[in-house]
Amino acid sequence: MIEMFDERIVETGRLPLFGFFVAFIVTFVLTRVNVRMIRANVRWFRNVTAGDVHIHHVVFGVVLMLAGGVASLAVPDGHVRLELAAAIVFGMGSALVLDEFALILHLSDVYWTEKGRASVDAVFVAIAVTGLLLLGVRPFGYDGLGLDPGGVALSRLYAASLVGNLALAVITLLKGKIWTGLIGLFVPALLVVGAVRVARPGSPWARWRYDAGSRRYQRAVRREKLYRRPLINGKIWVQEFIAGRHDLIPPELLQRRADTAERARRRLRGGRSPARARRRAAARAEPRAAPRADRRAAVRLERRADARVGRRSPGRRTGRRKAAWAERRAEARERRRALTRNRGVARERGKPASSRLRMRAASRRARRPVPDEDSPPPTHTHAAGGAARVGEERQEPSASP
């Protein structure tokens, strides 16, 4: 094992890359263990704060990356140990930064939400690419062609293969196949497979070139459910086993729920303005007012039709009058019953119910004109006048000769 390590790592000059690789994996695992302990409220594991400010570990990662990068540039050639130390520092900083890649991408603390899975994906991609480089696999496949890309002028064959691989990689990434596109940079055969096969349903390539009801889109959906979904579920299981579950509610959704709860609390307290309440009441009454207006218009039309029919047929008109009188009598009975109930309630309370009615009757009697005692009633006056005129008519013939 030691001889193999010396032969493939030390003699080939990949010892700094190996130090970077090991430091990256160890730092990532320890960081995830630490944050999971903090989330579980385990003693001796606390967040780093400065007053009220929570300092994310991406800050320490940026500082370590800067220190390791500058140190690797400042180390003179031939000092392998110093280069190894600088690579280790750079690997530690890279792990801390990529562990919060989702925070940098979304500019929000989404570490334990569904969006926080982007950080774990970025870490896995970095580990895969570094592992391939450590195994001696070079990107774009130029090592397999036996060409020397470090010469003065690149050969035409190498340039054509480089452009072709880049084009296939872009097409594969646009089709939503991230892992195939990245690993295909080292294994060009995967780029050909990824570029030829159908795109994923939610990829930019599918949105641009596939119609919703086309056969290619339906085939992409079937393959997504049949092959892609089990692989994604397996990847999520591995991620949760290593990095923990990303099951918290996003901050924007929490804020939205808080705003909704606050509005509901204000409604219960009566904090709404009167104008706003009137507008909402009018908006609710509009759908009810329309059917009422329609019913009223229909009743008017029916009444007009009945009136026309009544003018033509006296019998129907008489029946309609009888019905109207019956309705009036029923209303009078209801009024009398209501008055009786009011009197009963007033008696129970100890107040006379008919006092107000008596006052109204007295005021009406006071307004009526009082006739004189000497003057006869109006009906008798008219009758006497008529009798006198008849007597005069009867006496006139006798006085005429």
Protein backbone atom coordinates (compact mmCIF):
# COMPACT_ATOMS: atom_id res chain seq x y z
CA MET A 1 0.00 0.00 0.00
CA ILE A 2 2.84 2.38 0.86
CA GLU A 3 4.68 1.53 -2.34
CA MET A 4 1.53 2.18 -4.37
CA PHE A 5 1.06 5.51 -2.59
CA ASP A 6 4.66 6.52 -3.32
CA GLU A 7 4.36 5.43 -6.92
CA ARG A 8 1.03 7.07 -7.79
CA ILE A 9 0.90 10.06 -5.45
CA VAL A 10 4.35 11.14 -4.31
CA GLU A 11 6.37 10.40 -7.44
CA THR A 12 3.75 11.95 -9.73
CA GLY A 13 3.73 15.20 -7.71
CA ARG A 14 0.14 14.85 -6.50
CA LEU A 15 0.93 14.99 -2.80
CA PRO A 16 -0.44 18.58 -2.35
CA LEU A 17 -3.61 17.54 -4.21
CA PHE A 18 -3.92 14.52 -1.93
CA GLY A 19 -3.53 16.79 1.13
CA PHE A 20 -6.24 19.09 -0.26
CA PHE A 21 -8.54 16.12 -0.87
CA VAL A 22 -8.15 14.63 2.62
CA ALA A 23 -8.42 18.01 4.38
CA PHE A 24 -11.55 18.84 2.37
CA ILE A 25 -13.36 15.60 3.31
CA VAL A 26 -12.32 15.65 6.98
CA THR A 27 -13.30 19.32 7.44
CA PHE A 28 -16.67 18.80 5.79
CA VAL A 29 -17.51 15.78 7.96
CA LEU A 30 -16.43 17.50 11.18
CA THR A 31 -18.38 20.64 10.25
CA ARG A 32 -21.54 18.66 9.64
CA VAL A 33 -21.13 16.80 12.92
CA ASN A 34 -20.69 20.11 14.72
CA VAL A 35 -23.77 21.78 13.22
CA ARG A 36 -25.91 18.70 13.86
CA MET A 37 -24.85 18.76 17.52
CA ILE A 38 -25.72 22.46 17.69
CA ARG A 39 -29.13 21.75 16.16
CA ALA A 40 -29.73 18.99 18.73
CA ASN A 41 -28.79 21.41 21.59
CA VAL A 42 -25.93 19.21 22.78
CA ARG A 43 -23.76 20.72 25.50
CA TRP A 44 -20.42 22.31 24.55
CA PHE A 45 -21.59 22.88 20.97
CA ARG A 46 -22.64 26.48 20.35
CA ASN A 47 -22.79 28.94 17.47
CA VAL A 48 -20.05 31.53 17.14
CA THR A 49 -21.47 34.98 17.81
CA ALA A 50 -20.13 38.49 18.19
CA GLY A 51 -22.71 40.26 20.30
CA ASP A 52 -26.02 39.80 18.45
CA VAL A 53 -24.34 38.83 15.15
CA HIS A 54 -24.15 35.15 14.23
CA ILE A 55 -20.89 34.45 12.41
CA HIS A 56 -21.32 31.71 9.80
CA HIS A 57 -18.46 29.32 9.19
CA VAL A 58 -18.25 30.53 5.59
CA VAL A 59 -16.39 33.55 7.01
CA PHE A 60 -13.66 31.33 8.44
CA GLY A 61 -13.59 29.40 5.17
CA VAL A 62 -12.92 32.54 3.14
CA VAL A 63 -10.08 33.51 5.49
CA LEU A 64 -8.51 30.02 5.28
CA MET A 65 -8.83 29.92 1.47
CA LEU A 66 -7.14 33.29 1.19
CA ALA A 67 -4.33 32.24 3.51
CA GLY A 68 -3.77 28.88 1.76
CA GLY A 69 -3.89 30.37 -1.74
CA VAL A 70 -1.44 33.14 -0.98
CA ALA A 71 0.86 30.69 0.84
CA SER A 72 0.88 28.28 -2.11
CA LEU A 73 1.90 31.14 -4.41
CA ALA A 74 4.58 32.38 -2.04
CA VAL A 75 6.20 28.98 -1.43
CA PRO A 76 9.28 28.51 -3.62
CA ASP A 77 9.61 25.48 -5.86
CA GLY A 78 10.95 22.33 -4.34
CA HIS A 79 9.47 22.78 -0.86
CA VAL A 80 6.97 19.95 -0.92
CA ARG A 81 6.10 20.12 2.76
CA LEU A 82 5.23 23.81 2.59
CA GLU A 83 3.13 23.21 -0.51
CA LEU A 84 1.38 20.35 1.30
CA ALA A 85 0.63 22.59 4.30
CA ALA A 86 -0.74 25.34 2.05
CA ALA A 87 -2.91 22.80 0.19
CA ILE A 88 -4.28 21.47 3.48
CA VAL A 89 -5.22 24.98 4.64
CA PHE A 90 -6.82 25.70 1.27
CA GLY A 91 -8.79 22.44 1.44
CA MET A 92 -10.12 23.27 4.90
CA GLY A 93 -11.29 26.69 3.75
CA SER A 94 -12.89 25.26 0.60
CA ALA A 95 -14.92 22.77 2.65
CA LEU A 96 -16.20 25.51 4.96
CA VAL A 97 -17.18 27.72 2.02
CA LEU A 98 -18.90 25.01 -0.02
CA ASP A 99 -20.74 23.77 3.06
CA GLU A 100 -22.66 27.07 2.94
CA PHE A 101 -22.85 27.32 -0.82
CA ALA A 102 -26.67 27.65 -0.60
CA LEU A 103 -26.31 30.72 1.64
CA ILE A 104 -24.08 32.38 -0.97
CA LEU A 105 -26.42 31.35 -3.79
CA HIS A 106 -29.70 32.52 -2.21
CA LEU A 107 -28.27 35.24 0.08
CA SER A 108 -30.39 33.82 2.88
CA ASP A 109 -29.91 31.41 5.79
CA VAL A 110 -31.38 28.29 4.15
CA TYR A 111 -28.91 25.86 5.70
CA TRP A 112 -31.51 23.37 7.02
CA THR A 113 -34.22 23.97 4.42
CA GLU A 114 -34.84 22.17 1.14
CA LYS A 115 -32.72 24.78 -0.67
CA GLY A 116 -29.80 23.89 1.60
CA ARG A 117 -29.30 20.65 -0.32
CA ALA A 118 -27.44 22.71 -2.93
CA SER A 119 -24.51 22.95 -0.48
CA VAL A 120 -24.24 19.16 -0.17
CA ASP A 121 -24.49 18.79 -3.96
CA ALA A 122 -21.65 21.28 -4.42
CA VAL A 123 -19.49 19.40 -1.90
CA PHE A 124 -20.14 16.06 -3.63
CA VAL A 125 -19.23 17.55 -7.03
CA ALA A 126 -15.99 18.95 -5.62
CA ILE A 127 -15.10 15.58 -4.08
CA ALA A 128 -15.83 13.74 -7.33
CA VAL A 129 -13.77 16.11 -9.49
CA THR A 130 -10.85 16.12 -7.06
CA GLY A 131 -10.94 12.33 -6.82
CA LEU A 132 -10.77 11.97 -10.61
CA LEU A 133 -7.84 14.38 -10.80
CA LEU A 134 -6.13 12.47 -8.01
CA LEU A 135 -6.52 9.23 -9.97
CA GLY A 136 -4.75 10.80 -12.91
CA VAL A 137 -7.78 11.27 -15.16
CA ARG A 138 -7.38 14.47 -17.15
CA PRO A 139 -10.29 16.53 -18.47
CA PHE A 140 -11.37 16.65 -22.17
CA GLY A 141 -9.62 13.33 -22.89
CA TYR A 142 -6.48 14.81 -24.44
CA ASP A 143 -4.24 12.40 -22.53
CA GLY A 144 -5.75 9.41 -24.31
CA LEU A 145 -5.01 10.82 -27.75
CA GLY A 146 -1.27 10.84 -27.19
CA LEU A 147 -1.01 14.57 -27.96
CA ASP A 148 1.04 17.14 -26.14
CA PRO A 149 -1.24 20.02 -25.16
CA GLY A 150 1.60 21.89 -23.50
CA GLY A 151 3.46 22.47 -26.76
CA VAL A 152 3.87 25.74 -28.59
CA ALA A 153 0.92 25.18 -30.91
CA LEU A 154 -1.98 22.88 -30.23
CA SER A 155 -2.64 20.37 -32.92
CA ARG A 156 -5.79 20.65 -35.00
CA LEU A 157 -7.05 17.31 -33.81
CA TYR A 158 -6.74 18.30 -30.17
CA ALA A 159 -8.42 21.65 -30.82
CA ALA A 160 -11.34 19.95 -32.62
CA SER A 161 -11.78 17.39 -29.83
CA LEU A 162 -11.63 20.14 -27.19
CA VAL A 163 -14.32 22.21 -28.93
CA GLY A 164 -16.49 19.14 -29.47
CA ASN A 165 -16.26 18.06 -25.84
CA LEU A 166 -17.09 21.55 -24.63
CA ALA A 167 -20.13 21.72 -26.92
CA LEU A 168 -21.35 18.33 -25.75
CA ALA A 169 -20.81 19.34 -22.14
CA VAL A 170 -22.88 22.52 -22.61
CA ILE A 171 -25.72 20.55 -24.25
CA THR A 172 -25.66 17.96 -21.47
CA LEU A 173 -25.81 20.62 -18.77
CA LEU A 174 -28.67 22.42 -20.55
CA LYS A 175 -30.58 19.14 -20.56
CA GLY A 176 -30.41 19.12 -16.78
CA LYS A 177 -27.83 16.34 -16.38
CA ILE A 178 -25.35 18.00 -14.05
CA TRP A 179 -23.43 14.94 -12.91
CA THR A 180 -23.20 13.52 -16.43
CA GLY A 181 -21.89 16.83 -17.74
CA LEU A 182 -19.24 17.27 -15.05
CA ILE A 183 -17.96 13.70 -15.05
CA GLY A 184 -18.16 13.70 -18.85
CA LEU A 185 -15.37 16.29 -18.90
CA PHE A 186 -13.10 13.47 -17.76
CA VAL A 187 -14.90 10.65 -19.61
CA PRO A 188 -16.02 12.08 -22.99
CA ALA A 189 -18.17 9.04 -23.77
CA LEU A 190 -20.63 10.16 -21.09
CA LEU A 191 -21.03 13.52 -22.86
CA VAL A 192 -22.12 11.77 -26.03
CA VAL A 193 -24.71 9.72 -24.13
CA GLY A 194 -26.00 12.76 -22.22
CA ALA A 195 -26.28 14.92 -25.35
CA VAL A 196 -28.11 12.29 -27.41
CA ARG A 197 -30.71 11.17 -24.86
CA VAL A 198 -33.83 13.21 -24.06
CA ALA A 199 -33.61 16.08 -21.60
CA ARG A 200 -35.12 16.18 -18.15
CA PRO A 201 -38.68 17.62 -18.03
CA GLY A 202 -37.77 20.73 -16.04
CA SER A 203 -34.52 21.56 -17.85
CA PRO A 204 -34.02 24.63 -20.08
CA TRP A 205 -33.62 22.38 -23.13
CA ALA A 206 -37.05 20.81 -22.50
CA ARG A 207 -38.69 24.23 -22.05
CA TRP A 208 -37.20 25.51 -25.29
CA ARG A 209 -37.62 22.52 -27.59
CA TYR A 210 -40.26 20.16 -26.16
CA ASP A 211 -43.99 20.85 -26.39
CA ALA A 212 -46.18 19.84 -23.46
CA GLY A 213 -47.99 17.12 -25.41
CA SER A 214 -45.14 15.91 -27.60
CA ARG A 215 -43.84 12.34 -27.60
CA ARG A 216 -40.37 13.40 -26.47
CA TYR A 217 -41.76 15.27 -23.49
CA GLN A 218 -43.91 12.31 -22.47
CA ARG A 219 -40.91 9.99 -22.83
CA ALA A 220 -38.81 12.36 -20.68
CA VAL A 221 -41.49 12.31 -17.97
CA ARG A 222 -41.65 8.51 -18.00
CA ARG A 223 -37.87 8.17 -17.73
CA GLU A 224 -37.79 10.75 -14.95
CA LYS A 225 -40.26 8.71 -12.89
CA LEU A 226 -38.80 5.32 -13.79
CA TYR A 227 -35.04 5.90 -13.55
CA ARG A 228 -34.25 9.37 -12.26
CA ARG A 229 -36.55 9.49 -9.22
CA PRO A 230 -35.10 6.35 -7.50
CA LEU A 231 -31.57 7.69 -7.98
CA ILE A 232 -32.55 11.05 -6.52
CA ASN A 233 -34.17 9.35 -3.52
CA GLY A 234 -30.98 7.35 -2.96
CA LYS A 235 -28.86 10.48 -3.20
CA ILE A 236 -31.11 12.29 -0.71
CA TRP A 237 -30.81 9.35 1.70
CA VAL A 238 -27.01 9.48 1.54
CA GLN A 239 -27.02 13.25 1.98
CA GLU A 240 -29.29 13.08 5.02
CA PHE A 241 -27.19 10.28 6.51
CA ILE A 242 -24.04 12.40 6.25
CA ALA A 243 -25.26 15.99 6.50
CA GLY A 244 -28.57 15.74 8.36
CA ARG A 245 -32.17 16.37 7.34
CA HIS A 246 -33.10 19.57 5.54
CA ASP A 247 -36.66 19.84 6.80
CA LEU A 248 -36.98 23.34 8.21
CA ILE A 249 -39.49 25.84 6.81
CA PRO A 250 -37.88 28.54 4.60
CA PRO A 251 -37.58 32.00 6.19
CA GLU A 252 -39.74 33.70 3.55
CA LEU A 253 -42.55 31.21 4.19
CA LEU A 254 -42.24 31.79 7.92
CA GLN A 255 -42.47 35.54 7.34
CA ARG A 256 -45.52 35.07 5.14
CA ARG A 257 -47.22 32.96 7.82
CA ALA A 258 -46.38 35.54 10.47
CA ASP A 259 -47.90 38.33 8.37
CA THR A 260 -51.06 36.29 7.82
CA ALA A 261 -51.38 35.58 11.54
CA GLU A 262 -50.90 39.26 12.35
CA ARG A 263 -53.64 40.28 9.92
CA ALA A 264 -56.00 37.71 11.45
CA ARG A 265 -55.17 39.00 14.94
CA ARG A 266 -55.96 42.56 13.90
CA ARG A 267 -59.29 41.47 12.48
CA LEU A 268 -60.21 39.77 15.75
CA ARG A 269 -59.25 42.86 17.72
CA GLY A 270 -61.30 45.08 15.46
CA GLY A 271 -58.30 46.96 14.18
CA ARG A 272 -59.66 47.38 10.69
CA SER A 273 -60.56 50.91 9.59
CA PRO A 274 -64.29 51.74 9.14
CA ALA A 275 -63.79 52.69 5.49
CA ARG A 276 -62.14 49.37 4.73
CA ALA A 277 -64.91 47.52 6.57
CA ARG A 278 -67.55 49.37 4.56
CA ARG A 279 -65.78 48.55 1.31
CA ARG A 280 -65.63 44.86 2.21
CA ALA A 281 -69.29 44.86 3.27
CA ALA A 282 -70.26 46.50 -0.03
CA ALA A 283 -68.19 43.96 -1.93
CA ARG A 284 -69.94 41.11 -0.11
CA ALA A 285 -73.39 42.69 -0.69
CA GLU A 286 -72.89 43.16 -4.42
CA PRO A 287 -73.40 39.46 -5.30
CA ARG A 288 -76.50 39.38 -3.07
CA ALA A 289 -77.97 42.62 -4.46
CA ALA A 290 -77.95 41.38 -8.05
CA PRO A 291 -80.34 38.43 -7.43
CA ARG A 292 -82.60 40.69 -5.38
CA ALA A 293 -82.84 43.21 -8.20
CA ASP A 294 -83.61 40.40 -10.63
CA ARG A 295 -86.37 39.07 -8.38
CA ARG A 296 -87.87 42.53 -8.00
CA ALA A 297 -87.88 43.07 -11.74
CA ALA A 298 -89.59 39.69 -12.23
CA VAL A 299 -92.24 40.59 -9.64
CA ARG A 300 -92.91 43.90 -11.42
CA LEU A 301 -93.33 42.12 -14.72
CA GLU A 302 -95.74 39.62 -13.17
CA ARG A 303 -97.78 42.42 -11.62
CA ARG A 304 -97.99 44.27 -14.90
CA ALA A 305 -99.06 41.10 -16.69
CA ASP A 306 -101.71 40.45 -14.03
CA ALA A 307 -102.94 44.02 -14.34
CA ARG A 308 -103.33 43.67 -18.08
CA VAL A 309 -105.19 40.39 -17.71
CA GLY A 310 -107.41 41.92 -15.00
CA ARG A 311 -108.41 44.79 -17.26
CA ARG A 312 -109.51 42.34 -19.92
CA SER A 313 -111.41 39.97 -17.58
CA PRO A 314 -113.45 41.51 -14.70
CA GLY A 315 -113.73 38.16 -12.94
CA ARG A 316 -109.98 37.86 -12.44
CA ARG A 317 -109.80 41.46 -11.30
CA THR A 318 -112.42 40.75 -8.61
CA GLY A 319 -110.48 37.70 -7.46
CA ARG A 320 -107.31 39.77 -7.28
CA ARG A 321 -109.09 42.36 -5.15
CA LYS A 322 -110.32 39.70 -2.79
CA ALA A 323 -106.79 38.36 -2.45
CA ALA A 324 -105.52 41.87 -1.72
CA TRP A 325 -108.15 42.38 0.96
CA ALA A 326 -107.25 39.02 2.47
CA GLU A 327 -103.58 40.06 2.62
CA ARG A 328 -104.49 43.32 4.28
CA ARG A 329 -106.61 41.56 6.88
CA ALA A 330 -103.74 39.17 7.58
CA GLU A 331 -101.37 42.12 8.05
CA ALA A 332 -103.84 43.77 10.42
CA ARG A 333 -104.07 40.57 12.43
CA GLU A 334 -100.29 40.40 12.64
CA ARG A 335 -100.11 43.98 13.84
CA ARG A 336 -102.72 43.31 16.52
CA ARG A 337 -100.82 40.22 17.65
CA ALA A 338 -97.58 42.20 17.84
CA LEU A 339 -99.32 44.90 19.83
CA THR A 340 -100.69 42.29 22.22
CA ARG A 341 -97.23 40.77 22.66
CA ASN A 342 -95.74 44.22 23.34
CA ARG A 343 -98.39 44.87 25.94
CA GLY A 344 -97.64 41.58 27.63
CA VAL A 345 -93.93 42.36 27.74
CA ALA A 346 -94.58 45.83 29.07
CA ARG A 347 -96.82 44.48 31.79
CA GLU A 348 -94.13 42.06 32.85
CA ARG A 349 -91.65 44.92 33.06
CA GLY A 350 -94.12 47.07 35.03
CA LYS A 351 -94.69 49.76 32.40
CA PRO A 352 -98.05 50.61 30.73
CA ALA A 353 -97.91 49.52 27.10
CA SER A 354 -100.80 51.68 25.85
CA SER A 355 -99.63 54.98 27.33
CA ARG A 356 -97.93 56.04 24.12
CA LEU A 357 -100.94 54.98 22.03
CA ARG A 358 -103.27 56.93 24.33
CA MET A 359 -101.12 60.05 23.99
CA ARG A 360 -101.21 59.73 20.22
CA ALA A 361 -105.01 59.31 20.23
CA ALA A 362 -105.41 62.37 22.48
CA SER A 363 -103.21 64.46 20.21
CA ARG A 364 -105.29 63.41 17.18
CA ARG A 365 -108.55 64.34 18.95
CA ALA A 366 -107.09 67.70 19.88
CA ARG A 367 -106.27 68.45 16.25
CA ARG A 368 -109.90 67.81 15.07
CA PRO A 369 -112.15 70.90 14.73
CA VAL A 370 -114.91 71.13 17.40
CA PRO A 371 -118.40 71.85 15.84
CA ASP A 372 -120.71 74.55 17.33
CA GLU A 373 -123.64 73.54 19.48
CA ASP A 374 -126.24 75.58 17.47
CA SER A 375 -125.20 74.36 14.05
CA PRO A 376 -126.67 71.05 12.97
CA PRO A 377 -124.46 68.25 11.75
CA PRO A 378 -123.32 68.50 8.16
CA THR A 379 -125.44 65.58 7.06
CA HIS A 380 -128.65 67.08 8.49
CA THR A 381 -127.90 70.46 6.94
CA HIS A 382 -127.71 68.95 3.50
CA ALA A 383 -130.87 66.98 4.07
CA ALA A 384 -132.83 70.04 5.36
CA GLY A 385 -131.67 72.14 2.47
CA GLY A 386 -132.85 69.45 0.06
CA ALA A 387 -136.27 69.19 1.77
CA ALA A 388 -136.72 72.97 1.67
CA ARG A 389 -135.93 73.07 -2.01
CA VAL A 390 -138.46 70.32 -2.67
CA GLY A 391 -141.15 72.21 -0.69
CA GLU A 392 -140.50 75.37 -2.66
CA GLU A 393 -140.88 73.49 -5.92
CA ARG A 394 -144.15 72.07 -4.72
CA GLN A 395 -145.53 75.48 -3.65
CA GLU A 396 -144.66 77.31 -6.84
CA PRO A 397 -147.49 75.84 -8.98
CA SER A 398 -150.13 76.87 -6.47
CA ALA A 399 -148.99 80.50 -6.37
CA SER A 400 -148.66 80.91 -10.09
CA PRO A 401 -152.37 81.63 -11.03
